Amino acid sequence: MFGRRRPVQVLPAVVHPTKYNVINTHCTYEVPHIHPTHTTICNHELFQHKHYCPHTQSVANEVSNQHFNCCGPGGPGGPGGPAPMPPNGMG
């Protein structure tokens, strides 16, 4: 009634990421700071130079336009392509 036992199979180890712990220590230091002061009396004189610059303004408007010939086959410019228009826009 007692059967043979199979040997235990050992699998490869599972390695988990390293867990890091941080221990903080604190120490208090006292550093003396010395702040000397000095007072200077400064007398000020002001000269006001006033410059005047009259200004005028104008507006200019520029207008541009373009003409495109988008006729299909058999029209100006050949098969389906746009053709340049003369500078006066008439063609």
N, C-alpha and C. Protein backbone atom coordinates (compact mmCIF):
# COMPACT_ATOMS: atom_id res chain seq x y z
N MET A 1 0.80 -1.18 0.00
CA MET A 1 0.00 0.00 0.00
C MET A 1 0.85 1.26 0.00
N PHE A 2 2.10 1.13 0.28
CA PHE A 2 2.99 2.28 0.25
C PHE A 2 3.67 2.31 -1.09
N GLY A 3 3.33 3.33 -1.91
CA GLY A 3 3.93 3.45 -3.23
C GLY A 3 5.26 4.19 -3.15
N ARG A 4 5.96 4.16 -4.23
CA ARG A 4 7.23 4.87 -4.27
C ARG A 4 6.97 6.36 -4.40
N ARG A 5 7.68 7.13 -3.69
CA ARG A 5 7.55 8.58 -3.76
C ARG A 5 8.46 9.09 -4.85
N ARG A 6 7.96 10.01 -5.60
CA ARG A 6 8.78 10.64 -6.63
C ARG A 6 9.67 11.67 -5.97
N PRO A 7 10.89 11.83 -6.48
CA PRO A 7 11.76 12.82 -5.86
C PRO A 7 11.20 14.24 -6.08
N VAL A 8 11.48 15.12 -5.14
CA VAL A 8 11.01 16.50 -5.22
C VAL A 8 11.77 17.21 -6.34
N GLN A 9 11.04 17.89 -7.20
CA GLN A 9 11.67 18.63 -8.29
C GLN A 9 11.85 20.08 -7.84
N VAL A 10 13.08 20.58 -7.93
CA VAL A 10 13.38 21.95 -7.53
C VAL A 10 13.36 22.82 -8.78
N LEU A 11 12.50 23.83 -8.77
CA LEU A 11 12.35 24.74 -9.90
C LEU A 11 13.35 25.89 -9.75
N PRO A 12 13.60 26.62 -10.84
CA PRO A 12 14.51 27.77 -10.73
C PRO A 12 13.95 28.80 -9.75
N ALA A 13 14.85 29.46 -9.05
CA ALA A 13 14.44 30.45 -8.04
C ALA A 13 13.81 31.67 -8.71
N VAL A 14 12.83 32.26 -8.04
CA VAL A 14 12.23 33.51 -8.49
C VAL A 14 12.92 34.62 -7.71
N VAL A 15 13.63 35.50 -8.43
CA VAL A 15 14.36 36.58 -7.78
C VAL A 15 13.53 37.86 -7.90
N HIS A 16 13.15 38.42 -6.80
CA HIS A 16 12.36 39.65 -6.78
C HIS A 16 13.28 40.86 -6.76
N PRO A 17 12.79 42.05 -7.19
CA PRO A 17 13.62 43.26 -7.15
C PRO A 17 14.06 43.57 -5.72
N THR A 18 15.24 44.13 -5.60
CA THR A 18 15.78 44.47 -4.28
C THR A 18 14.93 45.53 -3.63
N LYS A 19 14.61 45.35 -2.38
CA LYS A 19 13.88 46.35 -1.62
C LYS A 19 14.91 47.19 -0.89
N TYR A 20 14.87 48.52 -1.10
CA TYR A 20 15.83 49.42 -0.48
C TYR A 20 15.19 50.13 0.69
N ASN A 21 15.91 50.22 1.76
CA ASN A 21 15.49 50.98 2.93
C ASN A 21 16.45 52.15 3.09
N VAL A 22 15.93 53.31 3.51
CA VAL A 22 16.75 54.49 3.73
C VAL A 22 16.62 54.90 5.18
N ILE A 23 17.75 55.10 5.82
CA ILE A 23 17.77 55.58 7.20
C ILE A 23 18.35 56.98 7.16
N ASN A 24 17.59 57.97 7.62
CA ASN A 24 18.03 59.35 7.64
C ASN A 24 18.48 59.72 9.05
N THR A 25 19.62 60.39 9.12
CA THR A 25 20.07 60.92 10.40
C THR A 25 20.15 62.43 10.27
N HIS A 26 19.96 63.15 11.37
CA HIS A 26 19.95 64.61 11.34
C HIS A 26 20.84 65.14 12.45
N CYS A 27 21.55 66.21 12.14
CA CYS A 27 22.38 66.87 13.13
C CYS A 27 22.21 68.37 12.92
N THR A 28 22.09 69.14 13.98
CA THR A 28 21.87 70.58 13.89
C THR A 28 23.15 71.32 14.20
N TYR A 29 23.47 72.31 13.35
CA TYR A 29 24.65 73.14 13.54
C TYR A 29 24.20 74.60 13.60
N GLU A 30 24.84 75.37 14.43
CA GLU A 30 24.55 76.79 14.51
C GLU A 30 25.69 77.55 13.86
N VAL A 31 25.36 78.43 12.91
CA VAL A 31 26.36 79.22 12.20
C VAL A 31 26.07 80.69 12.47
N PRO A 32 26.96 81.41 13.15
CA PRO A 32 26.73 82.84 13.39
C PRO A 32 26.91 83.64 12.10
N HIS A 33 26.02 84.59 11.85
CA HIS A 33 26.11 85.49 10.70
C HIS A 33 26.14 86.91 11.23
N ILE A 34 27.12 87.68 10.79
CA ILE A 34 27.28 89.05 11.24
C ILE A 34 26.94 89.96 10.06
N HIS A 35 26.01 90.90 10.26
CA HIS A 35 25.56 91.80 9.21
C HIS A 35 25.86 93.24 9.60
N PRO A 36 27.03 93.77 9.25
CA PRO A 36 27.33 95.17 9.56
C PRO A 36 26.45 96.10 8.72
N THR A 37 26.19 97.30 9.22
CA THR A 37 25.40 98.27 8.47
C THR A 37 26.17 99.58 8.38
N HIS A 38 25.85 100.35 7.36
CA HIS A 38 26.46 101.66 7.13
C HIS A 38 25.40 102.55 6.49
N THR A 39 25.35 103.82 6.86
CA THR A 39 24.39 104.76 6.29
C THR A 39 25.15 105.82 5.50
N THR A 40 24.71 106.04 4.24
CA THR A 40 25.26 107.10 3.40
C THR A 40 24.12 108.06 3.09
N ILE A 41 24.37 109.34 3.29
CA ILE A 41 23.38 110.34 2.94
C ILE A 41 23.69 110.80 1.53
N CYS A 42 22.71 110.69 0.63
CA CYS A 42 22.91 111.01 -0.77
C CYS A 42 21.93 112.12 -1.15
N ASN A 43 22.45 113.25 -1.61
CA ASN A 43 21.62 114.37 -2.05
C ASN A 43 21.40 114.25 -3.56
N HIS A 44 20.16 114.43 -3.99
CA HIS A 44 19.80 114.25 -5.40
C HIS A 44 19.36 115.56 -6.02
N GLU A 45 19.79 115.79 -7.27
CA GLU A 45 19.32 116.91 -8.07
C GLU A 45 18.73 116.34 -9.34
N LEU A 46 17.63 116.91 -9.78
CA LEU A 46 16.93 116.38 -10.96
C LEU A 46 16.83 117.47 -12.03
N PHE A 47 17.29 117.16 -13.23
CA PHE A 47 17.12 118.03 -14.39
C PHE A 47 16.12 117.35 -15.31
N GLN A 48 15.02 117.98 -15.62
CA GLN A 48 14.01 117.40 -16.50
C GLN A 48 14.18 117.95 -17.91
N HIS A 49 14.62 117.10 -18.80
CA HIS A 49 14.77 117.45 -20.21
C HIS A 49 13.53 116.93 -20.92
N LYS A 50 12.71 117.83 -21.43
CA LYS A 50 11.46 117.42 -22.07
C LYS A 50 11.61 117.52 -23.58
N HIS A 51 11.43 116.40 -24.24
CA HIS A 51 11.53 116.31 -25.69
C HIS A 51 10.13 116.07 -26.25
N TYR A 52 9.79 116.78 -27.30
CA TYR A 52 8.48 116.63 -27.92
C TYR A 52 8.66 116.06 -29.32
N CYS A 53 7.83 115.11 -29.69
CA CYS A 53 7.94 114.45 -30.99
C CYS A 53 6.55 114.36 -31.62
N PRO A 54 6.14 115.39 -32.37
CA PRO A 54 4.85 115.29 -33.04
C PRO A 54 4.84 114.11 -34.01
N HIS A 55 3.70 113.46 -34.13
CA HIS A 55 3.61 112.25 -34.94
C HIS A 55 2.35 112.30 -35.78
N THR A 56 2.47 111.87 -37.03
CA THR A 56 1.31 111.72 -37.89
C THR A 56 1.20 110.26 -38.30
N GLN A 57 0.02 109.90 -38.83
CA GLN A 57 -0.22 108.51 -39.19
C GLN A 57 -0.99 108.47 -40.49
N SER A 58 -0.69 107.48 -41.32
CA SER A 58 -1.46 107.27 -42.54
C SER A 58 -1.71 105.78 -42.71
N VAL A 59 -2.65 105.46 -43.60
CA VAL A 59 -3.02 104.06 -43.85
C VAL A 59 -2.91 103.80 -45.34
N ALA A 60 -2.34 102.68 -45.72
CA ALA A 60 -2.28 102.26 -47.12
C ALA A 60 -2.88 100.87 -47.21
N ASN A 61 -3.73 100.65 -48.20
CA ASN A 61 -4.33 99.34 -48.42
C ASN A 61 -3.76 98.75 -49.70
N GLU A 62 -3.38 97.50 -49.65
CA GLU A 62 -2.89 96.80 -50.83
C GLU A 62 -3.86 95.67 -51.15
N VAL A 63 -4.20 95.52 -52.43
CA VAL A 63 -5.12 94.48 -52.87
C VAL A 63 -4.44 93.66 -53.95
N SER A 64 -4.53 92.35 -53.84
CA SER A 64 -3.97 91.44 -54.85
C SER A 64 -5.05 90.50 -55.32
N ASN A 65 -4.91 89.98 -56.53
CA ASN A 65 -5.83 88.94 -56.99
C ASN A 65 -5.09 88.02 -57.92
N GLN A 66 -5.63 86.82 -58.06
CA GLN A 66 -5.05 85.80 -58.93
C GLN A 66 -6.15 85.22 -59.80
N HIS A 67 -5.79 84.82 -61.02
CA HIS A 67 -6.72 84.16 -61.93
C HIS A 67 -6.16 82.78 -62.25
N PHE A 68 -7.02 81.76 -62.20
CA PHE A 68 -6.62 80.40 -62.54
C PHE A 68 -7.56 79.87 -63.62
N ASN A 69 -7.00 79.20 -64.61
CA ASN A 69 -7.81 78.57 -65.65
C ASN A 69 -7.89 77.09 -65.31
N CYS A 70 -9.04 76.64 -64.88
CA CYS A 70 -9.21 75.25 -64.48
C CYS A 70 -10.09 74.50 -65.47
N CYS A 71 -9.99 74.83 -66.76
CA CYS A 71 -10.79 74.16 -67.78
C CYS A 71 -10.30 72.73 -67.95
N GLY A 72 -11.21 71.85 -68.34
CA GLY A 72 -10.89 70.44 -68.52
C GLY A 72 -10.23 70.18 -69.86
N PRO A 73 -10.21 68.88 -70.30
CA PRO A 73 -9.58 68.50 -71.57
C PRO A 73 -10.18 69.28 -72.73
N GLY A 74 -9.33 69.64 -73.65
CA GLY A 74 -9.77 70.37 -74.83
C GLY A 74 -9.81 71.87 -74.61
N GLY A 75 -9.70 72.31 -73.36
CA GLY A 75 -9.71 73.75 -73.07
C GLY A 75 -8.30 74.29 -73.10
N PRO A 76 -8.13 75.55 -72.78
CA PRO A 76 -6.79 76.14 -72.78
C PRO A 76 -5.86 75.41 -71.82
N GLY A 77 -4.64 75.22 -72.23
CA GLY A 77 -3.65 74.59 -71.37
C GLY A 77 -3.53 73.11 -71.54
N GLY A 78 -4.28 72.51 -72.41
CA GLY A 78 -4.13 71.08 -72.64
C GLY A 78 -5.02 70.26 -71.75
N PRO A 79 -4.73 68.95 -71.65
CA PRO A 79 -5.63 68.02 -70.96
C PRO A 79 -5.67 68.24 -69.45
N GLY A 80 -6.64 68.98 -69.00
CA GLY A 80 -6.94 69.10 -67.57
C GLY A 80 -6.04 69.98 -66.75
N GLY A 81 -4.94 70.47 -67.29
CA GLY A 81 -4.01 71.26 -66.48
C GLY A 81 -4.32 72.73 -66.52
N PRO A 82 -4.04 73.44 -65.46
CA PRO A 82 -4.27 74.88 -65.49
C PRO A 82 -3.29 75.56 -66.43
N ALA A 83 -3.78 76.60 -67.07
CA ALA A 83 -2.93 77.34 -68.00
C ALA A 83 -2.66 78.71 -67.42
N PRO A 84 -1.47 79.23 -67.61
CA PRO A 84 -1.21 80.58 -67.10
C PRO A 84 -2.06 81.60 -67.85
N MET A 85 -2.48 82.61 -67.11
CA MET A 85 -3.27 83.67 -67.70
C MET A 85 -2.35 84.82 -68.04
N PRO A 86 -2.69 85.62 -69.03
CA PRO A 86 -1.88 86.81 -69.32
C PRO A 86 -1.90 87.76 -68.15
N PRO A 87 -0.89 88.62 -68.00
CA PRO A 87 -0.79 89.52 -66.85
C PRO A 87 -2.02 90.40 -66.66
N ASN A 88 -2.75 90.73 -67.73
CA ASN A 88 -3.90 91.60 -67.57
C ASN A 88 -5.13 90.85 -67.10
N GLY A 89 -5.02 89.51 -66.96
CA GLY A 89 -6.14 88.69 -66.46
C GLY A 89 -7.17 88.40 -67.54
N MET A 90 -6.98 88.82 -68.75
CA MET A 90 -7.93 88.58 -69.81
C MET A 90 -7.38 87.48 -70.72
N GLY A 91 -8.14 86.49 -71.02
CA GLY A 91 -7.61 85.48 -71.91
C GLY A 91 -8.66 84.60 -72.47
